[in-house]
Amino acid sequence: MEMAEDTQPPRKATPLQVAKAVFWSFLGIRKRAAHEHDAVTLTPAQVIIAGIIGAVIFVLGLVTLVRFIAG
């Protein structure tokens, strides 16, 4: 008796899923199941681009906050 195997490749993550994964990774809070799902659906290019964008937004937010408080 043969078992049916899932022969379809995993679907690529949507931009929202990539952004959520990078956001939670920045905070350091990840569930094991979410990490395993991300490992299958995220591509390295998606993670790198989202990480750079997230870092730029974070730094610009900090600079804006400091200028607001200091000004």
PDB file of N, CA and C in Angstrom:
ATOM      1  N   MET A   1       0.835  -1.162   0.000  1.00  0.00           N
ATOM      2  CA  MET A   1       0.000   0.000   0.000  1.00  0.00           C
ATOM      3  C   MET A   1       0.895   1.246   0.000  1.00  0.00           C
ATOM      4  N   GLU A   2       0.706   2.106  -0.988  1.00  0.00           N
ATOM      5  CA  GLU A   2       1.521   3.303  -1.112  1.00  0.00           C
ATOM      6  C   GLU A   2       0.842   4.476  -0.433  1.00  0.00           C
ATOM      7  N   MET A   3       1.655   5.279   0.210  1.00  0.00           N
ATOM      8  CA  MET A   3       1.126   6.476   0.857  1.00  0.00           C
ATOM      9  C   MET A   3       1.268   7.648  -0.108  1.00  0.00           C
ATOM     10  N   ALA A   4       0.254   8.465  -0.180  1.00  0.00           N
ATOM     11  CA  ALA A   4       0.304   9.643  -1.038  1.00  0.00           C
ATOM     12  C   ALA A   4       1.210  10.681  -0.389  1.00  0.00           C
ATOM     13  N   GLU A   5       2.181  11.139  -1.155  1.00  0.00           N
ATOM     14  CA  GLU A   5       3.097  12.145  -0.656  1.00  0.00           C
ATOM     15  C   GLU A   5       2.748  13.494  -1.264  1.00  0.00           C
ATOM     16  N   ASP A   6       2.975  14.521  -0.509  1.00  0.00           N
ATOM     17  CA  ASP A   6       2.747  15.871  -0.992  1.00  0.00           C
ATOM     18  C   ASP A   6       3.907  16.245  -1.906  1.00  0.00           C
ATOM     19  N   THR A   7       3.665  16.271  -3.212  1.00  0.00           N
ATOM     20  CA  THR A   7       4.736  16.534  -4.168  1.00  0.00           C
ATOM     21  C   THR A   7       4.834  18.002  -4.553  1.00  0.00           C
ATOM     22  N   GLN A   8       3.911  18.829  -4.064  1.00  0.00           N
ATOM     23  CA  GLN A   8       3.955  20.246  -4.388  1.00  0.00           C
ATOM     24  C   GLN A   8       5.013  20.931  -3.525  1.00  0.00           C
ATOM     25  N   PRO A   9       5.795  21.811  -4.151  1.00  0.00           N
ATOM     26  CA  PRO A   9       6.767  22.549  -3.333  1.00  0.00           C
ATOM     27  C   PRO A   9       6.040  23.524  -2.416  1.00  0.00           C
ATOM     28  N   PRO A  10       6.637  23.871  -1.282  1.00  0.00           N
ATOM     29  CA  PRO A  10       5.985  24.815  -0.371  1.00  0.00           C
ATOM     30  C   PRO A  10       5.801  26.166  -1.043  1.00  0.00           C
ATOM     31  N   ARG A  11       4.704  26.821  -0.708  1.00  0.00           N
ATOM     32  CA  ARG A  11       4.415  28.122  -1.285  1.00  0.00           C
ATOM     33  C   ARG A  11       5.306  29.177  -0.657  1.00  0.00           C
ATOM     34  N   LYS A  12       5.654  30.194  -1.466  1.00  0.00           N
ATOM     35  CA  LYS A  12       6.444  31.305  -0.945  1.00  0.00           C
ATOM     36  C   LYS A  12       5.590  32.138  -0.009  1.00  0.00           C
ATOM     37  N   ALA A  13       6.218  32.708   0.976  1.00  0.00           N
ATOM     38  CA  ALA A  13       5.521  33.536   1.942  1.00  0.00           C
ATOM     39  C   ALA A  13       5.122  34.860   1.299  1.00  0.00           C
ATOM     40  N   THR A  14       4.019  35.412   1.768  1.00  0.00           N
ATOM     41  CA  THR A  14       3.571  36.718   1.298  1.00  0.00           C
ATOM     42  C   THR A  14       4.410  37.799   1.971  1.00  0.00           C
ATOM     43  N   PRO A  15       4.411  39.008   1.416  1.00  0.00           N
ATOM     44  CA  PRO A  15       5.173  40.084   2.060  1.00  0.00           C
ATOM     45  C   PRO A  15       4.740  40.338   3.511  1.00  0.00           C
ATOM     46  N   LEU A  16       3.456  40.200   3.807  1.00  0.00           N
ATOM     47  CA  LEU A  16       2.990  40.389   5.178  1.00  0.00           C
ATOM     48  C   LEU A  16       3.553  39.303   6.100  1.00  0.00           C
ATOM     49  N   GLN A  17       3.592  38.071   5.643  1.00  0.00           N
ATOM     50  CA  GLN A  17       4.159  36.983   6.446  1.00  0.00           C
ATOM     51  C   GLN A  17       5.648  37.205   6.685  1.00  0.00           C
ATOM     52  N   VAL A  18       6.347  37.702   5.673  1.00  0.00           N
ATOM     53  CA  VAL A  18       7.783  37.988   5.822  1.00  0.00           C
ATOM     54  C   VAL A  18       7.985  39.102   6.843  1.00  0.00           C
ATOM     55  N   ALA A  19       7.178  40.173   6.737  1.00  0.00           N
ATOM     56  CA  ALA A  19       7.300  41.298   7.669  1.00  0.00           C
ATOM     57  C   ALA A  19       7.022  40.854   9.100  1.00  0.00           C
ATOM     58  N   LYS A  20       5.998  40.018   9.294  1.00  0.00           N
ATOM     59  CA  LYS A  20       5.689  39.526  10.634  1.00  0.00           C
ATOM     60  C   LYS A  20       6.828  38.673  11.179  1.00  0.00           C
ATOM     61  N   ALA A  21       7.396  37.811  10.350  1.00  0.00           N
ATOM     62  CA  ALA A  21       8.494  36.948  10.797  1.00  0.00           C
ATOM     63  C   ALA A  21       9.708  37.780  11.195  1.00  0.00           C
ATOM     64  N   VAL A  22      10.030  38.800  10.403  1.00  0.00           N
ATOM     65  CA  VAL A  22      11.184  39.653  10.719  1.00  0.00           C
ATOM     66  C   VAL A  22      10.907  40.472  11.974  1.00  0.00           C
ATOM     67  N   PHE A  23       9.687  40.996  12.120  1.00  0.00           N
ATOM     68  CA  PHE A  23       9.333  41.775  13.303  1.00  0.00           C
ATOM     69  C   PHE A  23       9.494  40.948  14.567  1.00  0.00           C
ATOM     70  N   TRP A  24       8.932  39.745  14.582  1.00  0.00           N
ATOM     71  CA  TRP A  24       9.034  38.904  15.774  1.00  0.00           C
ATOM     72  C   TRP A  24      10.467  38.454  16.010  1.00  0.00           C
ATOM     73  N   SER A  25      11.233  38.306  14.952  1.00  0.00           N
ATOM     74  CA  SER A  25      12.646  37.946  15.115  1.00  0.00           C
ATOM     75  C   SER A  25      13.435  39.100  15.719  1.00  0.00           C
ATOM     76  N   PHE A  26      13.090  40.344  15.348  1.00  0.00           N
ATOM     77  CA  PHE A  26      13.742  41.506  15.957  1.00  0.00           C
ATOM     78  C   PHE A  26      13.497  41.513  17.461  1.00  0.00           C
ATOM     79  N   LEU A  27      12.290  41.143  17.868  1.00  0.00           N
ATOM     80  CA  LEU A  27      11.964  41.116  19.289  1.00  0.00           C
ATOM     81  C   LEU A  27      12.540  39.887  19.987  1.00  0.00           C
ATOM     82  N   GLY A  28      12.869  38.875  19.225  1.00  0.00           N
ATOM     83  CA  GLY A  28      13.422  37.660  19.802  1.00  0.00           C
ATOM     84  C   GLY A  28      12.367  36.713  20.346  1.00  0.00           C
ATOM     85  N   ILE A  29      11.139  36.911  19.917  1.00  0.00           N
ATOM     86  CA  ILE A  29      10.034  36.067  20.386  1.00  0.00           C
ATOM     87  C   ILE A  29       9.529  35.254  19.205  1.00  0.00           C
ATOM     88  N   ARG A  30       9.799  33.963  19.220  1.00  0.00           N
ATOM     89  CA  ARG A  30       9.351  33.090  18.129  1.00  0.00           C
ATOM     90  C   ARG A  30       8.885  31.770  18.716  1.00  0.00           C
ATOM     91  N   LYS A  31       7.749  31.309  18.265  1.00  0.00           N
ATOM     92  CA  LYS A  31       7.299  29.970  18.632  1.00  0.00           C
ATOM     93  C   LYS A  31       7.988  28.974  17.712  1.00  0.00           C
ATOM     94  N   ARG A  32       8.204  27.793  18.221  1.00  0.00           N
ATOM     95  CA  ARG A  32       8.893  26.775  17.427  1.00  0.00           C
ATOM     96  C   ARG A  32       8.119  26.437  16.150  1.00  0.00           C
ATOM     97  N   ALA A  33       6.816  26.312  16.256  1.00  0.00           N
ATOM     98  CA  ALA A  33       6.004  25.973  15.089  1.00  0.00           C
ATOM     99  C   ALA A  33       6.078  27.077  14.032  1.00  0.00           C
ATOM    100  N   ALA A  34       6.059  28.337  14.485  1.00  0.00           N
ATOM    101  CA  ALA A  34       6.147  29.455  13.543  1.00  0.00           C
ATOM    102  C   ALA A  34       7.519  29.475  12.875  1.00  0.00           C
ATOM    103  N   HIS A  35       8.558  29.194  13.641  1.00  0.00           N
ATOM    104  CA  HIS A  35       9.906  29.159  13.081  1.00  0.00           C
ATOM    105  C   HIS A  35      10.022  28.055  12.036  1.00  0.00           C
ATOM    106  N   GLU A  36       9.494  26.898  12.325  1.00  0.00           N
ATOM    107  CA  GLU A  36       9.560  25.782  11.379  1.00  0.00           C
ATOM    108  C   GLU A  36       8.773  26.093  10.110  1.00  0.00           C
ATOM    109  N   HIS A  37       7.618  26.737  10.258  1.00  0.00           N
ATOM    110  CA  HIS A  37       6.818  27.122   9.088  1.00  0.00           C
ATOM    111  C   HIS A  37       7.579  28.151   8.257  1.00  0.00           C
ATOM    112  N   ASP A  38       8.207  29.118   8.923  1.00  0.00           N
ATOM    113  CA  ASP A  38       8.961  30.147   8.217  1.00  0.00           C
ATOM    114  C   ASP A  38      10.165  29.560   7.492  1.00  0.00           C
ATOM    115  N   ALA A  39      10.795  28.582   8.090  1.00  0.00           N
ATOM    116  CA  ALA A  39      11.968  27.963   7.483  1.00  0.00           C
ATOM    117  C   ALA A  39      11.624  27.298   6.152  1.00  0.00           C
ATOM    118  N   VAL A  40      10.378  26.878   6.013  1.00  0.00           N
ATOM    119  CA  VAL A  40       9.950  26.219   4.782  1.00  0.00           C
ATOM    120  C   VAL A  40       9.476  27.230   3.741  1.00  0.00           C
ATOM    121  N   THR A  41       8.811  28.297   4.179  1.00  0.00           N
ATOM    122  CA  THR A  41       8.181  29.207   3.226  1.00  0.00           C
ATOM    123  C   THR A  41       9.004  30.448   2.892  1.00  0.00           C
ATOM    124  N   LEU A  42       9.893  30.874   3.773  1.00  0.00           N
ATOM    125  CA  LEU A  42      10.678  32.087   3.516  1.00  0.00           C
ATOM    126  C   LEU A  42      11.931  31.760   2.726  1.00  0.00           C
ATOM    127  N   THR A  43      12.263  32.652   1.796  1.00  0.00           N
ATOM    128  CA  THR A  43      13.518  32.502   1.066  1.00  0.00           C
ATOM    129  C   THR A  43      14.550  33.439   1.695  1.00  0.00           C
ATOM    130  N   PRO A  44      15.817  33.128   1.560  1.00  0.00           N
ATOM    131  CA  PRO A  44      16.845  33.999   2.138  1.00  0.00           C
ATOM    132  C   PRO A  44      16.763  35.438   1.616  1.00  0.00           C
ATOM    133  N   ALA A  45      16.471  35.600   0.343  1.00  0.00           N
ATOM    134  CA  ALA A  45      16.381  36.948  -0.221  1.00  0.00           C
ATOM    135  C   ALA A  45      15.253  37.737   0.442  1.00  0.00           C
ATOM    136  N   GLN A  46      14.118  37.095   0.682  1.00  0.00           N
ATOM    137  CA  GLN A  46      13.000  37.765   1.342  1.00  0.00           C
ATOM    138  C   GLN A  46      13.403  38.222   2.738  1.00  0.00           C
ATOM    139  N   VAL A  47      14.081  37.370   3.469  1.00  0.00           N
ATOM    140  CA  VAL A  47      14.473  37.685   4.844  1.00  0.00           C
ATOM    141  C   VAL A  47      15.502  38.817   4.867  1.00  0.00           C
ATOM    142  N   ILE A  48      16.461  38.778   3.971  1.00  0.00           N
ATOM    143  CA  ILE A  48      17.500  39.809   3.928  1.00  0.00           C
ATOM    144  C   ILE A  48      16.895  41.163   3.594  1.00  0.00           C
ATOM    145  N   ILE A  49      16.061  41.213   2.571  1.00  0.00           N
ATOM    146  CA  ILE A  49      15.447  42.483   2.168  1.00  0.00           C
ATOM    147  C   ILE A  49      14.548  43.015   3.276  1.00  0.00           C
ATOM    148  N   ALA A  50      13.723  42.160   3.853  1.00  0.00           N
ATOM    149  CA  ALA A  50      12.825  42.594   4.934  1.00  0.00           C
ATOM    150  C   ALA A  50      13.632  43.017   6.159  1.00  0.00           C
ATOM    151  N   GLY A  51      14.720  42.343   6.445  1.00  0.00           N
ATOM    152  CA  GLY A  51      15.564  42.710   7.581  1.00  0.00           C
ATOM    153  C   GLY A  51      16.206  44.072   7.396  1.00  0.00           C
ATOM    154  N   ILE A  52      16.677  44.348   6.196  1.00  0.00           N
ATOM    155  CA  ILE A  52      17.276  45.661   5.915  1.00  0.00           C
ATOM    156  C   ILE A  52      16.219  46.753   6.028  1.00  0.00           C
ATOM    157  N   ILE A  53      15.051  46.526   5.449  1.00  0.00           N
ATOM    158  CA  ILE A  53      13.966  47.506   5.534  1.00  0.00           C
ATOM    159  C   ILE A  53      13.558  47.716   6.989  1.00  0.00           C
ATOM    160  N   GLY A  54      13.428  46.632   7.741  1.00  0.00           N
ATOM    161  CA  GLY A  54      13.069  46.745   9.151  1.00  0.00           C
ATOM    162  C   GLY A  54      14.110  47.506   9.952  1.00  0.00           C
ATOM    163  N   ALA A  55      15.381  47.270   9.681  1.00  0.00           N
ATOM    164  CA  ALA A  55      16.446  47.965  10.392  1.00  0.00           C
ATOM    165  C   ALA A  55      16.439  49.457  10.065  1.00  0.00           C
ATOM    166  N   VAL A  56      16.212  49.801   8.806  1.00  0.00           N
ATOM    167  CA  VAL A  56      16.159  51.210   8.405  1.00  0.00           C
ATOM    168  C   VAL A  56      14.988  51.908   9.093  1.00  0.00           C
ATOM    169  N   ILE A  57      13.832  51.263   9.107  1.00  0.00           N
ATOM    170  CA  ILE A  57      12.656  51.846   9.777  1.00  0.00           C
ATOM    171  C   ILE A  57      12.933  52.018  11.270  1.00  0.00           C
ATOM    172  N   PHE A  58      13.561  51.034  11.887  1.00  0.00           N
ATOM    173  CA  PHE A  58      13.878  51.110  13.313  1.00  0.00           C
ATOM    174  C   PHE A  58      14.822  52.275  13.609  1.00  0.00           C
ATOM    175  N   VAL A  59      15.887  52.402  12.833  1.00  0.00           N
ATOM    176  CA  VAL A  59      16.868  53.469  13.054  1.00  0.00           C
ATOM    177  C   VAL A  59      16.230  54.837  12.808  1.00  0.00           C
ATOM    178  N   LEU A  60      15.467  54.975  11.731  1.00  0.00           N
ATOM    179  CA  LEU A  60      14.811  56.251  11.456  1.00  0.00           C
ATOM    180  C   LEU A  60      13.807  56.604  12.550  1.00  0.00           C
ATOM    181  N   GLY A  61      13.122  55.604  13.074  1.00  0.00           N
ATOM    182  CA  GLY A  61      12.198  55.837  14.179  1.00  0.00           C
ATOM    183  C   GLY A  61      12.919  56.329  15.424  1.00  0.00           C
ATOM    184  N   LEU A  62      14.069  55.722  15.737  1.00  0.00           N
ATOM    185  CA  LEU A  62      14.858  56.167  16.888  1.00  0.00           C
ATOM    186  C   LEU A  62      15.381  57.583  16.701  1.00  0.00           C
ATOM    187  N   VAL A  63      15.880  57.888  15.519  1.00  0.00           N
ATOM    188  CA  VAL A  63      16.391  59.231  15.244  1.00  0.00           C
ATOM    189  C   VAL A  63      15.270  60.252  15.377  1.00  0.00           C
ATOM    190  N   THR A  64      14.107  59.941  14.843  1.00  0.00           N
ATOM    191  CA  THR A  64      12.958  60.841  14.942  1.00  0.00           C
ATOM    192  C   THR A  64      12.547  61.028  16.396  1.00  0.00           C
ATOM    193  N   LEU A  65      12.511  59.966  17.157  1.00  0.00           N
ATOM    194  CA  LEU A  65      12.141  60.052  18.572  1.00  0.00           C
ATOM    195  C   LEU A  65      13.135  60.914  19.354  1.00  0.00           C
ATOM    196  N   VAL A  66      14.428  60.726  19.124  1.00  0.00           N
ATOM    197  CA  VAL A  66      15.445  61.499  19.830  1.00  0.00           C
ATOM    198  C   VAL A  66      15.351  62.972  19.449  1.00  0.00           C
ATOM    199  N   ARG A  67      15.151  63.261  18.164  1.00  0.00           N
ATOM    200  CA  ARG A  67      15.008  64.669  17.750  1.00  0.00           C
ATOM    201  C   ARG A  67      13.758  65.299  18.366  1.00  0.00           C
ATOM    202  N   PHE A  68      12.692  64.547  18.475  1.00  0.00           N
ATOM    203  CA  PHE A  68      11.456  65.061  19.067  1.00  0.00           C
ATOM    204  C   PHE A  68      11.651  65.365  20.545  1.00  0.00           C
ATOM    205  N   ILE A  69      12.313  64.453  21.258  1.00  0.00           N
ATOM    206  CA  ILE A  69      12.530  64.627  22.695  1.00  0.00           C
ATOM    207  C   ILE A  69      13.557  65.743  22.954  1.00  0.00           C
ATOM    208  N   ALA A  70      14.635  65.746  22.184  1.00  0.00           N
ATOM    209  CA  ALA A  70      15.695  66.733  22.401  1.00  0.00           C
ATOM    210  C   ALA A  70      15.312  68.125  21.880  1.00  0.00           C
ATOM    211  N   GLY A  71      14.394  68.184  20.935  1.00  0.00           N
ATOM    212  CA  GLY A  71      14.038  69.474  20.327  1.00  0.00           C
ATOM    213  C   GLY A  71      12.990  70.146  21.102  1.00  0.00           C
TER     214      GLY A  71
END
